[in-house]
Amino acid sequence: MRHRVRKIFIVIMGFIIWGMLFCCLNGCDSGDKVIDEATGNRALKQYNVAKDKLKTIEEKQKEKYKDIGQDETQESKQDK
């Protein structure tokens, strides 16, 4: 009886271990993310994306303030 319970336990544990390994290996992206994280490339990529976003925001703000400045000069000309 003990021998039979032990076999069933080993089989069940084997399925659990294989399932865990399959899930872990399935979730990996071939180590690209890990390598990028270790070398700092991921942080560099995030920095470049953030820098590009800030440039676009800066350009939009410059256009907005330029338009506001032009509107003020046109209004002052009209007032005269």
N, C-alpha and C. Protein backbone atom coordinates (compact mmCIF):
# COMPACT_ATOMS: atom_id res chain seq x y z
N MET A 1 0.82 -1.19 0.00
CA MET A 1 0.00 0.00 0.00
C MET A 1 0.87 1.26 0.00
N ARG A 2 1.88 1.28 0.82
CA ARG A 2 2.78 2.45 0.87
C ARG A 2 3.48 2.65 -0.47
N HIS A 3 3.84 1.55 -1.07
CA HIS A 3 4.55 1.61 -2.34
C HIS A 3 3.67 2.24 -3.42
N ARG A 4 2.38 1.90 -3.44
CA ARG A 4 1.43 2.43 -4.40
C ARG A 4 1.21 3.93 -4.17
N VAL A 5 1.08 4.35 -2.91
CA VAL A 5 0.90 5.77 -2.57
C VAL A 5 2.13 6.56 -2.97
N ARG A 6 3.30 5.98 -2.76
CA ARG A 6 4.54 6.65 -3.11
C ARG A 6 4.64 6.85 -4.62
N LYS A 7 4.26 5.85 -5.41
CA LYS A 7 4.29 5.97 -6.86
C LYS A 7 3.33 7.06 -7.34
N ILE A 8 2.14 7.08 -6.79
CA ILE A 8 1.16 8.10 -7.18
C ILE A 8 1.67 9.49 -6.82
N PHE A 9 2.28 9.62 -5.65
CA PHE A 9 2.83 10.90 -5.21
C PHE A 9 3.93 11.35 -6.16
N ILE A 10 4.81 10.44 -6.55
CA ILE A 10 5.91 10.78 -7.45
C ILE A 10 5.38 11.19 -8.82
N VAL A 11 4.38 10.48 -9.31
CA VAL A 11 3.81 10.83 -10.62
C VAL A 11 3.16 12.21 -10.56
N ILE A 12 2.40 12.47 -9.52
CA ILE A 12 1.74 13.77 -9.39
C ILE A 12 2.78 14.89 -9.28
N MET A 13 3.82 14.67 -8.48
CA MET A 13 4.87 15.68 -8.34
C MET A 13 5.60 15.89 -9.66
N GLY A 14 5.78 14.82 -10.42
CA GLY A 14 6.42 14.94 -11.74
C GLY A 14 5.60 15.83 -12.66
N PHE A 15 4.28 15.60 -12.69
CA PHE A 15 3.42 16.44 -13.52
C PHE A 15 3.46 17.90 -13.07
N ILE A 16 3.48 18.13 -11.78
CA ILE A 16 3.53 19.50 -11.26
C ILE A 16 4.84 20.17 -11.66
N ILE A 17 5.94 19.46 -11.52
CA ILE A 17 7.25 20.04 -11.86
C ILE A 17 7.34 20.32 -13.35
N TRP A 18 6.90 19.37 -14.19
CA TRP A 18 6.92 19.58 -15.63
C TRP A 18 6.02 20.75 -16.02
N GLY A 19 4.89 20.86 -15.38
CA GLY A 19 3.99 21.98 -15.67
C GLY A 19 4.62 23.31 -15.30
N MET A 20 5.28 23.35 -14.17
CA MET A 20 5.94 24.59 -13.76
C MET A 20 7.06 24.96 -14.72
N LEU A 21 7.85 23.98 -15.14
CA LEU A 21 8.94 24.24 -16.09
C LEU A 21 8.38 24.73 -17.42
N PHE A 22 7.32 24.10 -17.87
CA PHE A 22 6.72 24.50 -19.14
C PHE A 22 6.21 25.93 -19.06
N CYS A 23 5.58 26.29 -17.98
CA CYS A 23 5.05 27.65 -17.82
C CYS A 23 6.19 28.66 -17.73
N CYS A 24 7.24 28.32 -17.02
CA CYS A 24 8.37 29.25 -16.87
C CYS A 24 9.08 29.46 -18.20
N LEU A 25 9.32 28.37 -18.94
CA LEU A 25 10.01 28.50 -20.21
C LEU A 25 9.13 29.17 -21.25
N ASN A 26 7.85 28.98 -21.15
CA ASN A 26 6.92 29.59 -22.08
C ASN A 26 6.84 31.10 -21.86
N GLY A 27 7.06 31.55 -20.65
CA GLY A 27 6.97 32.96 -20.33
C GLY A 27 8.22 33.75 -20.67
N CYS A 28 9.32 33.09 -20.94
CA CYS A 28 10.58 33.78 -21.24
C CYS A 28 10.58 34.29 -22.68
N ASP A 29 11.18 35.43 -22.89
CA ASP A 29 11.32 35.98 -24.24
C ASP A 29 12.73 35.74 -24.74
N SER A 30 13.17 34.54 -24.66
CA SER A 30 14.50 34.11 -25.10
C SER A 30 15.61 34.90 -24.41
N GLY A 31 15.35 35.45 -23.29
CA GLY A 31 16.36 36.12 -22.49
C GLY A 31 16.69 37.53 -22.95
N ASP A 32 16.00 38.03 -23.96
CA ASP A 32 16.30 39.38 -24.46
C ASP A 32 16.07 40.45 -23.40
N LYS A 33 14.96 40.33 -22.69
CA LYS A 33 14.68 41.32 -21.66
C LYS A 33 15.71 41.26 -20.54
N VAL A 34 16.12 40.06 -20.18
CA VAL A 34 17.09 39.91 -19.10
C VAL A 34 18.42 40.50 -19.51
N ILE A 35 18.83 40.23 -20.75
CA ILE A 35 20.11 40.77 -21.24
C ILE A 35 20.05 42.29 -21.32
N ASP A 36 18.93 42.83 -21.83
CA ASP A 36 18.78 44.28 -21.91
C ASP A 36 18.82 44.91 -20.53
N GLU A 37 18.20 44.27 -19.56
CA GLU A 37 18.18 44.80 -18.20
C GLU A 37 19.59 44.78 -17.59
N ALA A 38 20.32 43.70 -17.83
CA ALA A 38 21.65 43.56 -17.24
C ALA A 38 22.65 44.53 -17.86
N THR A 39 22.53 44.77 -19.17
CA THR A 39 23.49 45.65 -19.83
C THR A 39 23.09 47.13 -19.77
N GLY A 40 21.87 47.39 -19.35
CA GLY A 40 21.43 48.78 -19.25
C GLY A 40 20.78 49.29 -20.52
N ASN A 41 20.64 48.44 -21.52
CA ASN A 41 20.03 48.88 -22.78
C ASN A 41 18.56 49.24 -22.60
N ARG A 42 17.89 48.55 -21.70
CA ARG A 42 16.46 48.83 -21.48
C ARG A 42 16.29 50.24 -20.92
N ALA A 43 17.13 50.61 -19.98
CA ALA A 43 17.05 51.95 -19.41
C ALA A 43 17.38 53.00 -20.47
N LEU A 44 18.34 52.69 -21.34
CA LEU A 44 18.71 53.62 -22.40
C LEU A 44 17.56 53.80 -23.38
N LYS A 45 16.88 52.70 -23.72
CA LYS A 45 15.74 52.78 -24.62
C LYS A 45 14.62 53.61 -24.00
N GLN A 46 14.35 53.40 -22.72
CA GLN A 46 13.31 54.17 -22.04
C GLN A 46 13.69 55.65 -22.00
N TYR A 47 14.95 55.95 -21.77
CA TYR A 47 15.43 57.33 -21.74
C TYR A 47 15.21 58.00 -23.10
N ASN A 48 15.56 57.29 -24.17
CA ASN A 48 15.41 57.86 -25.51
C ASN A 48 13.95 58.11 -25.85
N VAL A 49 13.07 57.20 -25.46
CA VAL A 49 11.64 57.38 -25.71
C VAL A 49 11.13 58.58 -24.94
N ALA A 50 11.53 58.70 -23.68
CA ALA A 50 11.09 59.83 -22.86
C ALA A 50 11.62 61.14 -23.43
N LYS A 51 12.86 61.14 -23.90
CA LYS A 51 13.46 62.33 -24.47
C LYS A 51 12.72 62.76 -25.74
N ASP A 52 12.34 61.79 -26.57
CA ASP A 52 11.59 62.11 -27.78
C ASP A 52 10.22 62.68 -27.44
N LYS A 53 9.57 62.12 -26.43
CA LYS A 53 8.27 62.63 -26.02
C LYS A 53 8.38 64.06 -25.51
N LEU A 54 9.44 64.33 -24.75
CA LEU A 54 9.63 65.68 -24.23
C LEU A 54 9.90 66.67 -25.36
N LYS A 55 10.62 66.25 -26.40
CA LYS A 55 10.88 67.14 -27.54
C LYS A 55 9.58 67.50 -28.23
N THR A 56 8.70 66.51 -28.42
CA THR A 56 7.43 66.81 -29.08
C THR A 56 6.59 67.75 -28.23
N ILE A 57 6.58 67.54 -26.93
CA ILE A 57 5.82 68.42 -26.04
C ILE A 57 6.40 69.82 -26.09
N GLU A 58 7.72 69.93 -26.09
CA GLU A 58 8.38 71.24 -26.14
C GLU A 58 8.03 71.97 -27.44
N GLU A 59 8.04 71.23 -28.55
CA GLU A 59 7.70 71.86 -29.83
C GLU A 59 6.25 72.36 -29.84
N LYS A 60 5.35 71.57 -29.29
CA LYS A 60 3.95 71.99 -29.22
C LYS A 60 3.79 73.23 -28.36
N GLN A 61 4.52 73.28 -27.24
CA GLN A 61 4.44 74.46 -26.36
C GLN A 61 5.00 75.69 -27.06
N LYS A 62 6.10 75.53 -27.79
CA LYS A 62 6.67 76.67 -28.51
C LYS A 62 5.68 77.21 -29.54
N GLU A 63 5.03 76.30 -30.27
CA GLU A 63 4.04 76.73 -31.26
C GLU A 63 2.88 77.45 -30.57
N LYS A 64 2.46 76.92 -29.45
CA LYS A 64 1.34 77.51 -28.72
C LYS A 64 1.68 78.92 -28.26
N TYR A 65 2.86 79.09 -27.67
CA TYR A 65 3.27 80.42 -27.18
C TYR A 65 3.56 81.37 -28.34
N LYS A 66 4.04 80.84 -29.44
CA LYS A 66 4.27 81.69 -30.60
C LYS A 66 2.93 82.22 -31.13
N ASP A 67 1.93 81.33 -31.17
CA ASP A 67 0.60 81.76 -31.61
C ASP A 67 0.01 82.78 -30.65
N ILE A 68 0.21 82.59 -29.37
CA ILE A 68 -0.30 83.54 -28.37
C ILE A 68 0.39 84.89 -28.55
N GLY A 69 1.70 84.87 -28.78
CA GLY A 69 2.44 86.11 -28.99
C GLY A 69 1.98 86.84 -30.23
N GLN A 70 1.68 86.12 -31.29
CA GLN A 70 1.21 86.74 -32.52
C GLN A 70 -0.19 87.31 -32.32
N ASP A 71 -1.02 86.62 -31.57
CA ASP A 71 -2.36 87.13 -31.30
C ASP A 71 -2.29 88.44 -30.51
N GLU A 72 -1.39 88.51 -29.54
CA GLU A 72 -1.26 89.73 -28.72
C GLU A 72 -0.77 90.90 -29.58
N THR A 73 0.18 90.65 -30.47
CA THR A 73 0.68 91.75 -31.32
C THR A 73 -0.40 92.20 -32.29
N GLN A 74 -1.22 91.28 -32.81
CA GLN A 74 -2.30 91.66 -33.71
C GLN A 74 -3.35 92.48 -32.95
N GLU A 75 -3.64 92.12 -31.71
CA GLU A 75 -4.62 92.84 -30.93
C GLU A 75 -4.11 94.26 -30.61
N SER A 76 -2.81 94.36 -30.31
CA SER A 76 -2.28 95.68 -29.99
C SER A 76 -2.27 96.57 -31.23
N LYS A 77 -2.08 96.00 -32.41
CA LYS A 77 -2.13 96.78 -33.65
C LYS A 77 -3.55 97.24 -33.93
N GLN A 78 -4.51 96.37 -33.63
CA GLN A 78 -5.91 96.71 -33.89
C GLN A 78 -6.39 97.80 -32.94
N ASP A 79 -5.85 97.79 -31.71
CA ASP A 79 -6.25 98.78 -30.71
C ASP A 79 -5.78 100.19 -31.10
N LYS A 80 -4.73 100.28 -31.83
CA LYS A 80 -4.16 101.59 -32.17
C LYS A 80 -4.92 102.22 -33.23
